[in-house]
C-alpha atoms as a PDB file:
ATOM      1  CA  MET A   1       4.586  44.746   1.608  1.00  0.00           C
ATOM      2  CA  ASN A   2       0.887  43.946   0.921  1.00  0.00           C
ATOM      3  CA  ILE A   3      -1.025  40.848   0.046  1.00  0.00           C
ATOM      4  CA  ILE A   4      -4.328  40.328  -1.689  1.00  0.00           C
ATOM      5  CA  GLY A   5      -6.613  37.496  -0.577  1.00  0.00           C
ATOM      6  CA  ILE A   6      -9.695  36.422  -2.504  1.00  0.00           C
ATOM      7  CA  ASP A   7     -12.306  33.895  -1.345  1.00  0.00           C
ATOM      8  CA  VAL A   8     -14.505  32.560  -4.114  1.00  0.00           C
ATOM      9  CA  GLY A   9     -17.789  31.029  -3.065  1.00  0.00           C
ATOM     10  CA  GLY A  10     -20.936  29.861  -4.767  1.00  0.00           C
ATOM     11  CA  THR A  11     -22.736  33.188  -4.051  1.00  0.00           C
ATOM     12  CA  LYS A  12     -20.052  35.760  -3.344  1.00  0.00           C
ATOM     13  CA  ILE A  13     -16.466  36.689  -4.055  1.00  0.00           C
ATOM     14  CA  LEU A  14     -14.760  38.435  -1.103  1.00  0.00           C
ATOM     15  CA  GLY A  15     -11.409  40.156  -1.474  1.00  0.00           C
ATOM     16  CA  ILE A  16      -9.078  41.926   0.935  1.00  0.00           C
ATOM     17  CA  LEU A  17      -5.866  43.918   0.755  1.00  0.00           C
ATOM     18  CA  ALA A  18      -3.780  43.426   3.861  1.00  0.00           C
ATOM     19  CA  ASP A  19      -0.358  44.389   5.111  1.00  0.00           C
ATOM     20  CA  ALA A  20       2.335  41.887   6.245  1.00  0.00           C
ATOM     21  CA  GLU A  21       0.882  41.932   9.822  1.00  0.00           C
ATOM     22  CA  GLY A  22      -2.600  41.000   8.556  1.00  0.00           C
ATOM     23  CA  ASN A  23      -4.203  44.417   9.030  1.00  0.00           C
ATOM     24  CA  ILE A  24      -6.938  44.791   6.440  1.00  0.00           C
ATOM     25  CA  ALA A  25      -6.676  47.997   4.430  1.00  0.00           C
ATOM     26  CA  ARG A  26      -9.519  47.350   1.972  1.00  0.00           C
ATOM     27  CA  GLU A  27     -12.334  44.874   1.458  1.00  0.00           C
ATOM     28  CA  LEU A  28     -14.481  44.259  -1.569  1.00  0.00           C
ATOM     29  CA  ARG A  29     -17.446  41.953  -2.097  1.00  0.00           C
ATOM     30  CA  VAL A  30     -19.296  41.064  -5.341  1.00  0.00           C
ATOM     31  CA  GLU A  31     -21.702  38.366  -6.320  1.00  0.00           C
ATOM     32  CA  THR A  32     -20.185  35.263  -7.982  1.00  0.00           C
ATOM     33  CA  ARG A  33     -22.933  34.918 -10.640  1.00  0.00           C
ATOM     34  CA  ASP A  34     -21.610  31.613 -11.935  1.00  0.00           C
ATOM     35  CA  ASP A  35     -24.635  31.343 -14.132  1.00  0.00           C
ATOM     36  CA  GLU A  36     -22.803  33.874 -16.430  1.00  0.00           C
ATOM     37  CA  GLY A  37     -20.109  31.252 -17.074  1.00  0.00           C
ATOM     38  CA  LEU A  38     -16.520  30.433 -16.177  1.00  0.00           C
ATOM     39  CA  GLU A  39     -14.860  33.263 -18.059  1.00  0.00           C
ATOM     40  CA  ALA A  40     -17.110  35.870 -16.459  1.00  0.00           C
ATOM     41  CA  VAL A  41     -16.335  34.615 -12.965  1.00  0.00           C
ATOM     42  CA  VAL A  42     -12.585  34.504 -13.646  1.00  0.00           C
ATOM     43  CA  ASP A  43     -12.864  38.059 -15.046  1.00  0.00           C
ATOM     44  CA  ARG A  44     -14.630  39.078 -11.867  1.00  0.00           C
ATOM     45  CA  ILE A  45     -11.847  37.556  -9.732  1.00  0.00           C
ATOM     46  CA  ALA A  46      -9.093  39.269 -11.719  1.00  0.00           C
ATOM     47  CA  GLY A  47     -11.062  42.528 -11.669  1.00  0.00           C
ATOM     48  CA  MET A  48     -11.313  42.349  -7.922  1.00  0.00           C
ATOM     49  CA  ALA A  49      -7.535  41.762  -7.619  1.00  0.00           C
ATOM     50  CA  ARG A  50      -6.886  44.799  -9.871  1.00  0.00           C
ATOM     51  CA  ASP A  51      -9.340  46.944  -7.832  1.00  0.00           C
ATOM     52  CA  LEU A  52      -7.586  46.001  -4.604  1.00  0.00           C
ATOM     53  CA  MET A  53      -4.107  46.724  -5.970  1.00  0.00           C
ATOM     54  CA  PRO A  54      -2.570  49.692  -4.134  1.00  0.00           C
ATOM     55  CA  THR A  55      -1.548  52.624  -6.308  1.00  0.00           C
ATOM     56  CA  ASP A  56       2.129  51.982  -5.623  1.00  0.00           C
ATOM     57  CA  GLY A  57       1.736  48.378  -6.822  1.00  0.00           C
ATOM     58  CA  ASP A  58       3.413  47.033  -3.665  1.00  0.00           C
ATOM     59  CA  VAL A  59       1.860  43.538  -3.588  1.00  0.00           C
ATOM     60  CA  GLU A  60       3.787  40.446  -2.650  1.00  0.00           C
ATOM     61  CA  GLY A  61       1.212  38.106  -4.072  1.00  0.00           C
ATOM     62  CA  VAL A  62      -2.436  37.197  -4.618  1.00  0.00           C
ATOM     63  CA  GLY A  63      -3.967  34.137  -2.909  1.00  0.00           C
ATOM     64  CA  VAL A  64      -7.242  32.697  -4.055  1.00  0.00           C
ATOM     65  CA  GLY A  65      -9.399  30.244  -2.065  1.00  0.00           C
ATOM     66  CA  ILE A  66     -11.752  28.076  -4.087  1.00  0.00           C
ATOM     67  CA  PRO A  67     -14.339  25.574  -2.841  1.00  0.00           C
ATOM     68  CA  GLY A  68     -13.277  22.146  -4.057  1.00  0.00           C
ATOM     69  CA  PRO A  69     -10.192  20.188  -5.062  1.00  0.00           C
ATOM     70  CA  LEU A  70      -7.154  22.087  -6.310  1.00  0.00           C
ATOM     71  CA  ASN A  71      -3.822  20.855  -7.512  1.00  0.00           C
ATOM     72  CA  PRO A  72      -1.362  23.285  -5.883  1.00  0.00           C
ATOM     73  CA  ALA A  73       1.447  22.263  -8.267  1.00  0.00           C
ATOM     74  CA  THR A  74      -0.553  23.184 -11.402  1.00  0.00           C
ATOM     75  CA  GLY A  75      -3.195  25.604 -10.130  1.00  0.00           C
ATOM     76  CA  ILE A  76      -5.946  23.495 -11.653  1.00  0.00           C
ATOM     77  CA  VAL A  77      -9.363  23.433  -9.932  1.00  0.00           C
ATOM     78  CA  TYR A  78     -11.369  20.216 -10.309  1.00  0.00           C
ATOM     79  CA  ASN A  79     -15.207  20.241 -10.157  1.00  0.00           C
ATOM     80  CA  PRO A  80     -15.913  22.629  -7.259  1.00  0.00           C
ATOM     81  CA  PRO A  81     -19.358  21.815  -5.982  1.00  0.00           C
ATOM     82  CA  ASN A  82     -20.589  25.418  -5.781  1.00  0.00           C
ATOM     83  CA  LEU A  83     -19.474  26.592  -9.244  1.00  0.00           C
ATOM     84  CA  ALA A  84     -21.434  25.325 -12.201  1.00  0.00           C
ATOM     85  CA  GLY A  85     -19.424  24.497 -15.326  1.00  0.00           C
ATOM     86  CA  TRP A  86     -16.016  24.364 -13.598  1.00  0.00           C
ATOM     87  CA  GLU A  87     -14.787  20.881 -14.491  1.00  0.00           C
ATOM     88  CA  THR A  88     -10.988  21.106 -14.955  1.00  0.00           C
ATOM     89  CA  VAL A  89     -10.103  24.814 -14.734  1.00  0.00           C
ATOM     90  CA  PRO A  90      -6.462  26.058 -14.982  1.00  0.00           C
ATOM     91  CA  LEU A  91      -7.306  29.006 -12.704  1.00  0.00           C
ATOM     92  CA  ARG A  92      -3.742  30.057 -11.905  1.00  0.00           C
ATOM     93  CA  ASP A  93      -2.919  30.366 -15.630  1.00  0.00           C
ATOM     94  CA  MET A  94      -6.154  32.102 -16.398  1.00  0.00           C
ATOM     95  CA  LEU A  95      -5.512  34.692 -13.661  1.00  0.00           C
ATOM     96  CA  ARG A  96      -1.882  35.188 -14.719  1.00  0.00           C
ATOM     97  CA  GLU A  97      -3.070  36.129 -18.211  1.00  0.00           C
ATOM     98  CA  ARG A  98      -5.506  38.725 -16.768  1.00  0.00           C
ATOM     99  CA  LEU A  99      -3.332  40.347 -14.039  1.00  0.00           C
ATOM    100  CA  PRO A 100      -0.416  42.778 -14.320  1.00  0.00           C
ATOM    101  CA  GLY A 101       2.987  41.495 -13.295  1.00  0.00           C
ATOM    102  CA  ASN A 102       1.970  37.953 -14.165  1.00  0.00           C
ATOM    103  CA  GLU A 103       5.509  36.566 -14.246  1.00  0.00           C
ATOM    104  CA  TYR A 104       5.720  33.700 -11.796  1.00  0.00           C
ATOM    105  CA  GLU A 105       8.596  34.058  -9.391  1.00  0.00           C
ATOM    106  CA  GLY A 106       7.923  30.818  -7.498  1.00  0.00           C
ATOM    107  CA  VAL A 107       9.477  27.482  -8.127  1.00  0.00           C
ATOM    108  CA  GLU A 108       7.256  25.221 -10.238  1.00  0.00           C
ATOM    109  CA  ARG A 109       8.674  22.156  -8.572  1.00  0.00           C
ATOM    110  CA  THR A 110       8.278  23.199  -4.948  1.00  0.00           C
ATOM    111  CA  ILE A 111       5.733  20.503  -4.095  1.00  0.00           C
ATOM    112  CA  ASP A 112       7.929  17.841  -5.702  1.00  0.00           C
ATOM    113  CA  VAL A 113      10.876  18.919  -3.560  1.00  0.00           C
ATOM    114  CA  HIS A 114       8.823  18.769  -0.379  1.00  0.00           C
ATOM    115  CA  ILE A 115       7.463  15.285  -1.273  1.00  0.00           C
ATOM    116  CA  ARG A 116      10.994  14.066  -2.012  1.00  0.00           C
ATOM    117  CA  ASN A 117      12.168  15.307   1.397  1.00  0.00           C
ATOM    118  CA  LEU A 118       9.174  13.671   3.145  1.00  0.00           C
ATOM    119  CA  ARG A 119       9.866  10.399   1.347  1.00  0.00           C
ATOM    120  CA  ARG A 120      13.493  10.484   2.508  1.00  0.00           C
ATOM    121  CA  LYS A 121      12.274  10.792   6.074  1.00  0.00           C
ATOM    122  CA  ILE A 122       9.415   8.230   6.160  1.00  0.00           C
ATOM    123  CA  GLU A 123      10.024   5.678   3.379  1.00  0.00           C
ATOM    124  CA  ALA A 124      12.335   2.691   3.786  1.00  0.00           C
ATOM    125  CA  ASP A 125      13.179   3.105   0.072  1.00  0.00           C
ATOM    126  CA  PRO A 126      12.260   6.546  -1.297  1.00  0.00           C
ATOM    127  CA  ALA A 127      12.664   5.239  -4.895  1.00  0.00           C
ATOM    128  CA  THR A 128       9.718   2.868  -4.346  1.00  0.00           C
ATOM    129  CA  PRO A 129       7.420   4.798  -1.993  1.00  0.00           C
ATOM    130  CA  ARG A 130       4.774   2.970   0.075  1.00  0.00           C
ATOM    131  CA  TYR A 131       3.188   5.924   1.974  1.00  0.00           C
ATOM    132  CA  ILE A 132       3.105   8.826  -0.517  1.00  0.00           C
ATOM    133  CA  LYS A 133       2.060   7.784  -3.965  1.00  0.00           C
ATOM    134  CA  THR A 134       2.464   9.733  -7.198  1.00  0.00           C
ATOM    135  CA  VAL A 135      -0.688  10.151  -9.290  1.00  0.00           C
ATOM    136  CA  PHE A 136       0.560  11.095 -12.713  1.00  0.00           C
ATOM    137  CA  GLY A 137      -1.108  14.188 -14.209  1.00  0.00           C
ATOM    138  CA  VAL A 138      -2.672  15.042 -10.824  1.00  0.00           C
ATOM    139  CA  GLY A 139      -0.134  15.139  -8.016  1.00  0.00           C
ATOM    140  CA  TYR A 140       0.272  13.031  -4.913  1.00  0.00           C
ATOM    141  CA  ARG A 141      -1.879  11.097  -2.468  1.00  0.00           C
ATOM    142  CA  CYS A 142      -1.376   9.157   0.790  1.00  0.00           C
ATOM    143  CA  SER A 143      -1.647   5.415   0.684  1.00  0.00           C
ATOM    144  CA  THR A 144      -4.665   3.826   2.313  1.00  0.00           C
ATOM    145  CA  ALA A 145      -4.220   1.438   5.281  1.00  0.00           C
ATOM    146  CA  GLU A 146      -4.924  -1.475   2.998  1.00  0.00           C
ATOM    147  CA  GLU A 147      -2.103  -0.461   0.629  1.00  0.00           C
ATOM    148  CA  VAL A 148       0.539  -0.217   3.345  1.00  0.00           C
END
């Protein structure tokens, strides 16, 4: 089993192909060139993932690190400070469209299940949470000291 990891920065995109033990088999680096626009950068990320793909296609997954806020439930990136023109970017969906084997095998509601379990453990009444608040259309947030 192999994994692909890609780190997107303001000046460079670095990608690796590693085995399950973390041994790096290949490494690639390209300039981000965000002045060419969002689509060009996403194409560069997807191209790097394809270039790192082993010939036997044995890849468990592709992980992408982005500077800035990301909603892990939706794969949407919000206004990363180093990438011009990235306001609300559905990066996960954009990469799925560009990569082979783009069917998603994960559970879309994984985060919701974890939050529900946390609420059962820490909230007096999980149906009316005080500590972990739902932010509709975005995800979740922890309550401030003043709210509790």
